Amino acid sequence: MKPGERIRDWLDANAASAAFYLGAALAAPPLARALKVALSDPQPAWGLGSLLLAVLLLEPFGLRWKLQFLRRRNQDEGFAPQGSMLGVFSAAGIGHVIVTMVLGLTWLDCWGLEASERALGIGLTALILKEFVELFGAAGRSTSRAAPGGGCERLADLFLLAYGFVAYVAWWEALLDLGEVAAEGWAMKLVLLPSVGGLFLFLYLPMRLPFLLDEYHLRAAPGRRRRLWTELAIGAALGLYPAFA
């Protein structure tokens, strides 16, 4: 197979990952700067807050629909998921709750509601309920009625990709300012690397749900550890680069 064909095949199978990488490398820094400015402005940022709210509300639909399409594809192709990824998905689930809470608090901050105890209580309760609804919605063995590969599955991919990318911008690029780490000397950077890197990798997992779901449902178990570590290495390179630039 020619190199060009290999690249096309990889892009066909990993379009969501390629879009995430490009967004993280090119679009995340300017969007993070815009978010920083919006959060420091006393005036509400209605547009950014609405974007965060939309991403939070649409992600559960994307997850449920994507799982239904993946189960349908397994059923049509006669492929049964191999091996267990219970530990990975458990870590991703815990990280997902944390990331969702951060996005929710940022949404309230954008709308100028962070100081309202009533808004904070209602918002956090709604976010917790969202996580439970999403968990139960992802359970079961239901499959999609529509054939995989159509517009509905692309829409599910878009909802999951939007959650991951917006969470990446809000959490890593904007709220955790790696510019402060970059100003430190190399000795301090190396001291901080294990803790900062570990935190990033833990919270990176829920941002990459499309990759994890495809890995479990569509790929054979042999080589899985290598693929997971490769994904984490790419994410770490993108996420930690500002601290060492």
Protein backbone atom coordinates (compact mmCIF):
# COMPACT_ATOMS: atom_id res chain seq x y z
CA MET A 1 0.00 0.00 0.00
CA LYS A 2 1.34 3.43 -0.96
CA PRO A 3 2.01 6.05 1.74
CA GLY A 4 -0.77 8.28 0.38
CA GLU A 5 -3.26 5.43 0.64
CA ARG A 6 -2.16 4.69 4.20
CA ILE A 7 -2.70 8.32 5.15
CA ARG A 8 -6.18 8.35 3.56
CA ASP A 9 -7.13 5.11 5.31
CA TRP A 10 -5.93 6.49 8.64
CA LEU A 11 -7.89 9.70 8.15
CA ASP A 12 -11.03 7.76 7.23
CA ALA A 13 -10.75 5.68 10.39
CA ASN A 14 -9.56 8.50 12.67
CA ALA A 15 -11.29 11.63 11.37
CA ALA A 16 -12.49 12.66 14.83
CA SER A 17 -9.00 12.25 16.31
CA ALA A 18 -7.41 14.24 13.48
CA ALA A 19 -9.96 17.03 13.98
CA PHE A 20 -9.26 17.09 17.71
CA TYR A 21 -5.48 17.25 17.21
CA LEU A 22 -5.75 20.09 14.70
CA GLY A 23 -8.14 22.00 16.94
CA ALA A 24 -5.94 21.53 20.00
CA ALA A 25 -2.83 22.67 18.13
CA LEU A 26 -4.24 25.56 16.10
CA ALA A 27 -7.55 26.79 17.49
CA ALA A 28 -7.27 26.14 21.23
CA PRO A 29 -4.70 28.87 22.09
CA PRO A 30 -6.65 31.83 20.59
CA LEU A 31 -9.94 30.49 21.96
CA ALA A 32 -8.37 30.12 25.40
CA ARG A 33 -7.17 33.72 25.30
CA ALA A 34 -10.69 34.84 24.38
CA LEU A 35 -12.11 32.83 27.26
CA LYS A 36 -9.60 34.35 29.69
CA VAL A 37 -10.62 37.85 28.60
CA ALA A 38 -14.30 36.98 28.91
CA LEU A 39 -13.89 35.56 32.42
CA SER A 40 -11.96 38.62 33.59
CA ASP A 41 -14.59 41.02 32.20
CA PRO A 42 -17.29 41.99 34.73
CA GLN A 43 -19.87 41.97 31.94
CA PRO A 44 -21.56 38.61 31.23
CA ALA A 45 -20.28 36.69 28.20
CA TRP A 46 -23.63 35.39 27.00
CA GLY A 47 -22.30 33.86 23.79
CA LEU A 48 -19.52 31.83 25.39
CA GLY A 49 -21.78 30.77 28.23
CA SER A 50 -24.42 29.61 25.77
CA LEU A 51 -21.79 27.59 23.88
CA LEU A 52 -20.70 25.85 27.07
CA LEU A 53 -24.30 25.11 28.02
CA ALA A 54 -25.09 23.73 24.55
CA VAL A 55 -22.06 21.45 24.65
CA LEU A 56 -23.05 20.13 28.07
CA LEU A 57 -26.65 19.48 27.02
CA LEU A 58 -25.85 17.82 23.67
CA GLU A 59 -23.05 15.51 24.79
CA PRO A 60 -25.34 12.88 26.44
CA PHE A 61 -27.28 12.55 23.17
CA GLY A 62 -24.04 12.15 21.24
CA LEU A 63 -22.78 9.44 23.60
CA ARG A 64 -26.01 7.43 23.50
CA TRP A 65 -26.37 7.68 19.72
CA LYS A 66 -22.70 6.80 19.13
CA LEU A 67 -22.96 3.70 21.30
CA GLN A 68 -26.08 2.60 19.47
CA PHE A 69 -24.31 2.95 16.12
CA LEU A 70 -21.26 1.08 17.39
CA ARG A 71 -23.42 -1.79 18.65
CA ARG A 72 -25.25 -1.87 15.33
CA ARG A 73 -21.92 -2.00 13.48
CA ASN A 74 -20.76 -4.87 15.72
CA GLN A 75 -24.02 -6.67 15.04
CA ASP A 76 -23.85 -6.18 11.27
CA GLU A 77 -20.20 -7.18 11.02
CA GLY A 78 -20.36 -10.00 13.55
CA PHE A 79 -17.55 -8.49 15.60
CA ALA A 80 -17.64 -8.82 19.39
CA PRO A 81 -15.60 -6.35 21.47
CA GLN A 82 -12.44 -8.00 22.73
CA GLY A 83 -10.72 -7.64 26.06
CA SER A 84 -11.68 -5.40 28.93
CA MET A 85 -11.20 -1.65 29.22
CA LEU A 86 -12.97 -1.39 32.57
CA GLY A 87 -10.06 0.41 34.23
CA VAL A 88 -9.72 2.91 31.40
CA PHE A 89 -13.44 3.65 31.25
CA SER A 90 -13.65 3.90 35.06
CA ALA A 91 -10.90 6.51 35.07
CA ALA A 92 -12.55 8.29 32.15
CA GLY A 93 -15.87 8.29 34.01
CA ILE A 94 -14.38 9.87 37.12
CA GLY A 95 -12.52 12.41 35.04
CA HIS A 96 -15.70 13.12 33.08
CA VAL A 97 -17.51 14.20 36.24
CA ILE A 98 -14.66 16.58 37.14
CA VAL A 99 -14.44 18.06 33.65
CA THR A 100 -18.21 18.49 33.47
CA MET A 101 -18.26 20.32 36.80
CA VAL A 102 -15.50 22.66 35.62
CA LEU A 103 -17.39 23.38 32.39
CA GLY A 104 -20.57 24.01 34.36
CA LEU A 105 -18.87 26.42 36.75
CA THR A 106 -17.28 28.22 33.80
CA TRP A 107 -20.72 28.50 32.18
CA LEU A 108 -22.13 30.12 35.35
CA ASP A 109 -19.09 32.43 35.49
CA CYS A 110 -19.65 33.51 31.88
CA TRP A 111 -23.23 34.44 32.70
CA GLY A 112 -22.21 36.29 35.87
CA LEU A 113 -23.94 33.81 38.18
CA GLU A 114 -20.88 32.47 40.01
CA ALA A 115 -21.68 34.56 43.11
CA SER A 116 -25.30 33.43 43.34
CA GLU A 117 -25.69 30.59 45.83
CA ARG A 118 -29.08 29.71 44.36
CA ALA A 119 -27.75 29.55 40.78
CA LEU A 120 -24.71 27.60 41.95
CA GLY A 121 -26.85 25.07 43.80
CA ILE A 122 -29.27 24.59 40.91
CA GLY A 123 -26.44 24.40 38.38
CA LEU A 124 -24.40 21.81 40.28
CA THR A 125 -27.50 19.71 40.97
CA ALA A 126 -28.40 19.79 37.29
CA LEU A 127 -24.86 18.76 36.32
CA ILE A 128 -24.91 15.82 38.74
CA LEU A 129 -28.27 14.70 37.35
CA LYS A 130 -26.87 15.06 33.83
CA GLU A 131 -24.03 12.68 34.69
CA PHE A 132 -26.46 10.08 36.05
CA VAL A 133 -28.76 10.42 33.03
CA GLU A 134 -25.77 10.06 30.72
CA LEU A 135 -24.55 6.98 32.59
CA PHE A 136 -27.91 5.22 32.42
CA GLY A 137 -28.45 6.33 28.83
CA ALA A 138 -25.17 4.73 27.81
CA ALA A 139 -26.06 1.44 29.45
CA GLY A 140 -28.01 -1.36 27.82
CA ARG A 141 -27.71 -3.09 24.47
CA SER A 142 -29.95 -0.97 22.25
CA THR A 143 -28.82 -0.47 18.66
CA SER A 144 -29.61 2.20 16.10
CA ARG A 145 -32.33 1.65 13.54
CA ALA A 146 -30.41 3.63 10.94
CA ALA A 147 -27.39 2.09 9.27
CA PRO A 148 -23.99 3.25 10.59
CA GLY A 149 -22.01 5.81 8.66
CA GLY A 150 -24.84 8.21 7.91
CA GLY A 151 -25.59 11.75 8.97
CA CYS A 152 -26.94 10.77 12.39
CA GLU A 153 -23.70 9.08 13.37
CA ARG A 154 -21.70 12.06 12.10
CA LEU A 155 -23.89 14.28 14.29
CA ALA A 156 -23.16 12.07 17.32
CA ASP A 157 -19.43 12.33 16.51
CA LEU A 158 -19.77 16.11 16.31
CA PHE A 159 -21.46 16.37 19.72
CA LEU A 160 -18.74 14.26 21.36
CA LEU A 161 -15.96 16.09 19.55
CA ALA A 162 -17.42 19.47 20.58
CA TYR A 163 -17.53 18.43 24.23
CA GLY A 164 -13.95 17.19 24.17
CA PHE A 165 -12.57 20.22 22.38
CA VAL A 166 -14.44 22.83 24.42
CA ALA A 167 -13.47 21.00 27.63
CA TYR A 168 -9.84 21.01 26.47
CA VAL A 169 -9.92 24.75 25.85
CA ALA A 170 -11.79 25.63 29.05
CA TRP A 171 -9.92 23.32 31.40
CA TRP A 172 -6.39 23.00 30.13
CA GLU A 173 -5.71 26.02 27.98
CA ALA A 174 -7.64 28.64 29.95
CA LEU A 175 -8.14 27.62 33.57
CA LEU A 176 -4.74 25.97 34.05
CA ASP A 177 -2.33 28.59 32.81
CA LEU A 178 0.76 26.75 31.62
CA GLY A 179 2.35 30.10 30.84
CA GLU A 180 3.19 30.35 34.54
CA VAL A 181 5.01 27.02 34.39
CA ALA A 182 6.80 28.11 31.22
CA ALA A 183 8.25 31.08 33.12
CA GLU A 184 9.92 28.77 35.63
CA GLY A 185 13.40 27.32 35.23
CA TRP A 186 14.00 23.85 33.85
CA ALA A 187 14.63 22.39 37.30
CA MET A 188 11.17 23.51 38.50
CA LYS A 189 9.59 22.31 35.26
CA LEU A 190 11.00 18.84 35.76
CA VAL A 191 9.77 18.81 39.37
CA LEU A 192 6.26 19.81 38.27
CA LEU A 193 6.15 17.51 35.24
CA PRO A 194 4.99 14.29 37.02
CA SER A 195 2.09 15.98 38.82
CA VAL A 196 1.05 18.27 35.97
CA GLY A 197 1.46 15.49 33.40
CA GLY A 198 -0.45 12.98 35.51
CA LEU A 199 -3.32 15.43 36.04
CA PHE A 200 -3.46 16.16 32.34
CA LEU A 201 -3.51 12.51 31.26
CA PHE A 202 -6.23 11.69 33.81
CA LEU A 203 -8.48 14.50 32.58
CA TYR A 204 -7.55 13.93 28.93
CA LEU A 205 -9.38 10.59 28.84
CA PRO A 206 -12.96 11.98 29.05
CA MET A 207 -12.07 14.51 26.35
CA ARG A 208 -11.26 11.62 24.00
CA LEU A 209 -14.39 9.51 24.36
CA PRO A 210 -14.71 8.99 20.56
CA PHE A 211 -11.27 7.38 20.48
CA LEU A 212 -11.96 5.19 23.53
CA LEU A 213 -15.32 4.01 22.20
CA ASP A 214 -13.91 3.14 18.79
CA GLU A 215 -10.95 1.38 20.38
CA TYR A 216 -13.18 -0.88 22.46
CA HIS A 217 -15.93 -1.58 19.94
CA LEU A 218 -14.08 -1.68 16.62
CA ARG A 219 -10.50 -2.76 17.20
CA ALA A 220 -8.98 -6.09 18.17
CA ALA A 221 -7.39 -6.44 21.59
CA PRO A 222 -3.84 -7.11 20.29
CA GLY A 223 -1.96 -3.83 20.12
CA ARG A 224 -4.45 -1.99 22.32
CA ARG A 225 -1.95 -0.97 24.95
CA ARG A 226 0.33 0.48 22.29
CA ARG A 227 -2.56 2.43 20.72
CA LEU A 228 -3.68 3.80 24.08
CA TRP A 229 -0.19 4.93 25.01
CA THR A 230 0.27 6.48 21.58
CA GLU A 231 -2.94 8.46 22.02
CA LEU A 232 -1.87 9.62 25.48
CA ALA A 233 1.58 10.56 24.18
CA ILE A 234 0.09 12.68 21.38
CA GLY A 235 -2.24 14.35 23.86
CA ALA A 236 0.59 15.00 26.31
CA ALA A 237 2.74 16.53 23.57
CA LEU A 238 -0.08 18.89 22.58
CA GLY A 239 -1.11 19.70 26.13
CA LEU A 240 2.26 20.14 27.79
CA TYR A 241 4.08 21.88 24.95
CA PRO A 242 3.18 25.42 26.19
CA ALA A 243 4.93 24.70 29.49
CA PHE A 244 8.21 23.85 27.80
CA ALA A 245 8.13 26.14 24.77
